[in-house]
């Protein structure tokens, strides 16, 4: 399904829910019928019963396979354990700010992030890790998200951010 188009992100939106739109990155989520009566049910299964997920491909990269992390995929540490990825000196560490100054996302060298949204500090906090141009987030509340570095921009949740102040 083209999740970016479904939420009104970049590209154009398809006329039909859960279809792919040319030019947008496709995501694929496969769950048993009994856990996916509709698109919302399938997404709910991903968040509440990940062990039931048969396959998840996000931005063309395998994420889950048969209810576990896809083989060869970097994984996040367990909840409550500090991230082991040392990002000291990484040029992507710092505060990323969107063009409207609504979203500030601080990436620290110890693998933690802290988001301010609409002036609300600590709106989202958790761990992150970088693999190539992809950034994966595991929020302290337990949900996952991802973004992509494109040149000088970090794209995440429909936002295009640029590096502002060094952390």
C-alpha atoms as a PDB file:
ATOM      1  CA  UNK A   1       0.000   0.000   0.000  1.00  0.00           C
ATOM      2  CA  UNK A   2       1.190   3.504  -0.675  1.00  0.00           C
ATOM      3  CA  UNK A   3       1.084   4.756   2.924  1.00  0.00           C
ATOM      4  CA  UNK A   4       2.572   8.135   2.061  1.00  0.00           C
ATOM      5  CA  UNK A   5      -0.238   8.856  -0.397  1.00  0.00           C
ATOM      6  CA  UNK A   6      -2.839   7.525   2.060  1.00  0.00           C
ATOM      7  CA  UNK A   7      -1.908  10.181   4.619  1.00  0.00           C
ATOM      8  CA  UNK A   8      -1.629  12.949   2.047  1.00  0.00           C
ATOM      9  CA  UNK A   9       2.161  13.034   1.817  1.00  0.00           C
ATOM     10  CA  UNK A  10       4.316  13.604  -1.237  1.00  0.00           C
ATOM     11  CA  UNK A  11       3.161  12.528  -4.658  1.00  0.00           C
ATOM     12  CA  UNK A  12      -0.430  12.143  -5.581  1.00  0.00           C
ATOM     13  CA  UNK A  13      -3.045  10.047  -3.901  1.00  0.00           C
ATOM     14  CA  UNK A  14      -4.535   7.054  -5.606  1.00  0.00           C
ATOM     15  CA  UNK A  15      -8.271   6.921  -6.217  1.00  0.00           C
ATOM     16  CA  UNK A  16      -8.430   3.583  -4.412  1.00  0.00           C
ATOM     17  CA  UNK A  17      -7.378   2.867  -0.834  1.00  0.00           C
ATOM     18  CA  UNK A  18      -4.377   0.567  -0.442  1.00  0.00           C
ATOM     19  CA  UNK A  19      -3.226   0.776  -4.055  1.00  0.00           C
ATOM     20  CA  UNK A  20       0.171   1.852  -5.315  1.00  0.00           C
ATOM     21  CA  UNK A  21       0.585   5.262  -6.903  1.00  0.00           C
ATOM     22  CA  UNK A  22       3.240   5.589  -9.625  1.00  0.00           C
ATOM     23  CA  UNK A  23       6.202   7.632  -8.428  1.00  0.00           C
ATOM     24  CA  UNK A  24       5.628   6.973  -4.724  1.00  0.00           C
ATOM     25  CA  UNK A  25       7.515   4.387  -2.690  1.00  0.00           C
ATOM     26  CA  UNK A  26       5.329   1.361  -2.025  1.00  0.00           C
ATOM     27  CA  UNK A  27       5.016  -0.405   1.293  1.00  0.00           C
ATOM     28  CA  UNK A  28       3.737  -3.944   1.626  1.00  0.00           C
ATOM     29  CA  UNK A  29       2.035  -5.377   4.703  1.00  0.00           C
ATOM     30  CA  UNK A  30       0.812  -8.987   4.709  1.00  0.00           C
ATOM     31  CA  UNK A  31      -1.294 -10.301   7.613  1.00  0.00           C
ATOM     32  CA  UNK A  32      -3.778 -13.188   7.876  1.00  0.00           C
ATOM     33  CA  UNK A  33      -7.341 -12.355   6.804  1.00  0.00           C
ATOM     34  CA  UNK A  34      -8.724 -12.786  10.312  1.00  0.00           C
ATOM     35  CA  UNK A  35      -6.487  -9.931  11.536  1.00  0.00           C
ATOM     36  CA  UNK A  36      -7.142  -7.624   8.566  1.00  0.00           C
ATOM     37  CA  UNK A  37     -10.810  -7.039   7.783  1.00  0.00           C
ATOM     38  CA  UNK A  38      -9.729  -3.714   6.206  1.00  0.00           C
ATOM     39  CA  UNK A  39      -6.652  -1.459   5.869  1.00  0.00           C
ATOM     40  CA  UNK A  40      -7.086  -0.038   9.384  1.00  0.00           C
ATOM     41  CA  UNK A  41      -7.312  -3.566  10.795  1.00  0.00           C
ATOM     42  CA  UNK A  42      -4.103  -4.573   9.024  1.00  0.00           C
ATOM     43  CA  UNK A  43      -2.288  -1.518  10.395  1.00  0.00           C
ATOM     44  CA  UNK A  44      -3.657  -2.233  13.872  1.00  0.00           C
ATOM     45  CA  UNK A  45      -2.278  -5.775  13.635  1.00  0.00           C
ATOM     46  CA  UNK A  46       1.144  -4.398  12.738  1.00  0.00           C
ATOM     47  CA  UNK A  47       1.148  -2.221  15.868  1.00  0.00           C
ATOM     48  CA  UNK A  48      -0.527  -4.567  18.360  1.00  0.00           C
ATOM     49  CA  UNK A  49       0.314  -8.098  17.120  1.00  0.00           C
ATOM     50  CA  UNK A  50       3.582  -7.888  15.149  1.00  0.00           C
ATOM     51  CA  UNK A  51       4.072 -11.643  15.595  1.00  0.00           C
ATOM     52  CA  UNK A  52       1.081 -12.132  13.245  1.00  0.00           C
ATOM     53  CA  UNK A  53       2.692 -10.118  10.444  1.00  0.00           C
ATOM     54  CA  UNK A  54       3.715 -12.409   7.584  1.00  0.00           C
ATOM     55  CA  UNK A  55       5.697  -9.695   5.766  1.00  0.00           C
ATOM     56  CA  UNK A  56       6.376  -5.980   5.999  1.00  0.00           C
ATOM     57  CA  UNK A  57       8.340  -4.131   3.329  1.00  0.00           C
ATOM     58  CA  UNK A  58       8.815  -0.401   3.957  1.00  0.00           C
ATOM     59  CA  UNK A  59      10.367   1.876   1.346  1.00  0.00           C
ATOM     60  CA  UNK A  60      11.472  -1.204  -0.568  1.00  0.00           C
ATOM     61  CA  UNK A  61      13.351  -2.694   2.414  1.00  0.00           C
ATOM     62  CA  UNK A  62      12.258  -5.887   4.220  1.00  0.00           C
ATOM     63  CA  UNK A  63      11.420  -5.080   7.835  1.00  0.00           C
ATOM     64  CA  UNK A  64       9.478  -8.066   9.194  1.00  0.00           C
ATOM     65  CA  UNK A  65       9.241 -11.610   7.890  1.00  0.00           C
ATOM     66  CA  UNK A  66       7.108 -14.331   9.524  1.00  0.00           C
ATOM     67  CA  UNK A  67       6.575 -12.214  12.642  1.00  0.00           C
ATOM     68  CA  UNK A  68      10.238 -11.410  13.327  1.00  0.00           C
ATOM     69  CA  UNK A  69      12.853  -8.975  12.064  1.00  0.00           C
ATOM     70  CA  UNK A  70      13.814  -9.640   8.452  1.00  0.00           C
ATOM     71  CA  UNK A  71      17.141 -11.496   8.093  1.00  0.00           C
ATOM     72  CA  UNK A  72      20.113  -9.146   7.861  1.00  0.00           C
ATOM     73  CA  UNK A  73      18.155  -6.080   8.998  1.00  0.00           C
ATOM     74  CA  UNK A  74      19.748  -3.942  11.727  1.00  0.00           C
ATOM     75  CA  UNK A  75      17.618  -4.148  14.839  1.00  0.00           C
ATOM     76  CA  UNK A  76      16.888  -1.760  17.664  1.00  0.00           C
ATOM     77  CA  UNK A  77      17.901  -2.653  21.192  1.00  0.00           C
ATOM     78  CA  UNK A  78      15.220  -3.921  23.557  1.00  0.00           C
ATOM     79  CA  UNK A  79      13.122  -1.333  25.378  1.00  0.00           C
ATOM     80  CA  UNK A  80      14.908   0.193  28.360  1.00  0.00           C
ATOM     81  CA  UNK A  81      18.395  -0.635  27.065  1.00  0.00           C
ATOM     82  CA  UNK A  82      20.454   2.308  25.781  1.00  0.00           C
ATOM     83  CA  UNK A  83      21.265   2.282  22.079  1.00  0.00           C
ATOM     84  CA  UNK A  84      24.633   0.731  21.290  1.00  0.00           C
ATOM     85  CA  UNK A  85      25.209   2.711  18.094  1.00  0.00           C
ATOM     86  CA  UNK A  86      27.820   5.401  18.793  1.00  0.00           C
ATOM     87  CA  UNK A  87      27.185   8.336  16.465  1.00  0.00           C
ATOM     88  CA  UNK A  88      29.896  10.634  17.793  1.00  0.00           C
ATOM     89  CA  UNK A  89      31.148  12.730  14.881  1.00  0.00           C
ATOM     90  CA  UNK A  90      28.309  11.663  12.584  1.00  0.00           C
ATOM     91  CA  UNK A  91      27.321  14.675  10.433  1.00  0.00           C
ATOM     92  CA  UNK A  92      23.639  13.790  10.851  1.00  0.00           C
ATOM     93  CA  UNK A  93      23.696  14.365  14.616  1.00  0.00           C
ATOM     94  CA  UNK A  94      22.072  17.663  15.551  1.00  0.00           C
ATOM     95  CA  UNK A  95      18.701  19.410  15.467  1.00  0.00           C
ATOM     96  CA  UNK A  96      16.658  19.000  12.293  1.00  0.00           C
ATOM     97  CA  UNK A  97      13.991  21.674  11.691  1.00  0.00           C
ATOM     98  CA  UNK A  98      11.180  21.720   9.134  1.00  0.00           C
ATOM     99  CA  UNK A  99      10.594  24.735   6.879  1.00  0.00           C
ATOM    100  CA  UNK A 100       7.659  25.988   8.990  1.00  0.00           C
ATOM    101  CA  UNK A 101       9.567  25.717  12.293  1.00  0.00           C
ATOM    102  CA  UNK A 102       6.838  23.339  13.533  1.00  0.00           C
ATOM    103  CA  UNK A 103       8.940  20.204  13.945  1.00  0.00           C
ATOM    104  CA  UNK A 104      12.320  20.123  15.682  1.00  0.00           C
ATOM    105  CA  UNK A 105      13.939  16.721  15.892  1.00  0.00           C
ATOM    106  CA  UNK A 106      17.149  16.441  17.893  1.00  0.00           C
ATOM    107  CA  UNK A 107      19.346  13.446  17.093  1.00  0.00           C
ATOM    108  CA  UNK A 108      22.021  12.912  19.735  1.00  0.00           C
ATOM    109  CA  UNK A 109      25.300  11.019  19.436  1.00  0.00           C
ATOM    110  CA  UNK A 110      24.136   8.374  21.931  1.00  0.00           C
ATOM    111  CA  UNK A 111      21.368   7.221  19.551  1.00  0.00           C
ATOM    112  CA  UNK A 112      18.468   9.060  21.206  1.00  0.00           C
ATOM    113  CA  UNK A 113      16.011  11.501  19.641  1.00  0.00           C
ATOM    114  CA  UNK A 114      13.758  14.145  21.158  1.00  0.00           C
ATOM    115  CA  UNK A 115      11.030  15.834  19.111  1.00  0.00           C
ATOM    116  CA  UNK A 116       9.351  19.153  19.691  1.00  0.00           C
ATOM    117  CA  UNK A 117       6.124  19.552  17.681  1.00  0.00           C
ATOM    118  CA  UNK A 118       4.204  22.780  17.491  1.00  0.00           C
ATOM    119  CA  UNK A 119       6.108  24.172  20.461  1.00  0.00           C
ATOM    120  CA  UNK A 120       5.337  21.117  22.617  1.00  0.00           C
ATOM    121  CA  UNK A 121       8.708  19.868  23.939  1.00  0.00           C
ATOM    122  CA  UNK A 122       9.361  16.123  24.255  1.00  0.00           C
ATOM    123  CA  UNK A 123       6.327  15.281  22.124  1.00  0.00           C
ATOM    124  CA  UNK A 124       8.153  12.121  21.022  1.00  0.00           C
ATOM    125  CA  UNK A 125      11.309  10.627  22.490  1.00  0.00           C
ATOM    126  CA  UNK A 126      13.136   7.391  21.916  1.00  0.00           C
ATOM    127  CA  UNK A 127      15.990   5.642  20.166  1.00  0.00           C
ATOM    128  CA  UNK A 128      17.068   5.777  16.568  1.00  0.00           C
ATOM    129  CA  UNK A 129      19.620   4.121  14.374  1.00  0.00           C
ATOM    130  CA  UNK A 130      20.911   4.924  10.920  1.00  0.00           C
ATOM    131  CA  UNK A 131      21.561   2.447   8.106  1.00  0.00           C
ATOM    132  CA  UNK A 132      22.697   4.125   4.888  1.00  0.00           C
ATOM    133  CA  UNK A 133      20.170   6.879   4.110  1.00  0.00           C
ATOM    134  CA  UNK A 134      17.410   5.356   6.254  1.00  0.00           C
ATOM    135  CA  UNK A 135      16.707   6.279   9.860  1.00  0.00           C
ATOM    136  CA  UNK A 136      14.563   4.022  12.045  1.00  0.00           C
ATOM    137  CA  UNK A 137      12.924   5.224  15.238  1.00  0.00           C
ATOM    138  CA  UNK A 138      11.682   3.227  18.211  1.00  0.00           C
ATOM    139  CA  UNK A 139       9.685   5.571  20.420  1.00  0.00           C
ATOM    140  CA  UNK A 140       9.775   5.087  24.183  1.00  0.00           C
ATOM    141  CA  UNK A 141       6.026   4.381  23.963  1.00  0.00           C
ATOM    142  CA  UNK A 142       6.782   1.368  21.754  1.00  0.00           C
ATOM    143  CA  UNK A 143       5.839   2.449  18.230  1.00  0.00           C
ATOM    144  CA  UNK A 144       8.133   2.391  15.218  1.00  0.00           C
ATOM    145  CA  UNK A 145       8.687   5.011  12.520  1.00  0.00           C
ATOM    146  CA  UNK A 146      11.230   5.670   9.834  1.00  0.00           C
ATOM    147  CA  UNK A 147      12.622   8.460   7.723  1.00  0.00           C
ATOM    148  CA  UNK A 148      15.033   9.006   4.877  1.00  0.00           C
ATOM    149  CA  UNK A 149      18.000  11.289   4.351  1.00  0.00           C
ATOM    150  CA  UNK A 150      17.932  12.857   0.885  1.00  0.00           C
ATOM    151  CA  UNK A 151      20.927  15.080   0.343  1.00  0.00           C
ATOM    152  CA  UNK A 152      20.670  17.882   2.889  1.00  0.00           C
ATOM    153  CA  UNK A 153      17.135  16.918   3.986  1.00  0.00           C
ATOM    154  CA  UNK A 154      15.693  14.471   6.490  1.00  0.00           C
ATOM    155  CA  UNK A 155      12.210  13.347   5.450  1.00  0.00           C
ATOM    156  CA  UNK A 156       9.997  11.943   8.168  1.00  0.00           C
ATOM    157  CA  UNK A 157       6.197  11.752   8.559  1.00  0.00           C
ATOM    158  CA  UNK A 158       5.551  14.082   5.627  1.00  0.00           C
ATOM    159  CA  UNK A 159       8.063  16.680   6.854  1.00  0.00           C
ATOM    160  CA  UNK A 160      11.232  17.815   5.071  1.00  0.00           C
ATOM    161  CA  UNK A 161      13.766  19.006   7.649  1.00  0.00           C
ATOM    162  CA  UNK A 162      17.194  20.588   7.398  1.00  0.00           C
ATOM    163  CA  UNK A 163      19.978  20.443   9.922  1.00  0.00           C
ATOM    164  CA  UNK A 164      19.881  23.509  12.148  1.00  0.00           C
ATOM    165  CA  UNK A 165      21.899  23.644  15.343  1.00  0.00           C
ATOM    166  CA  UNK A 166      24.553  21.063  16.186  1.00  0.00           C
ATOM    167  CA  UNK A 167      23.803  18.972  19.289  1.00  0.00           C
END
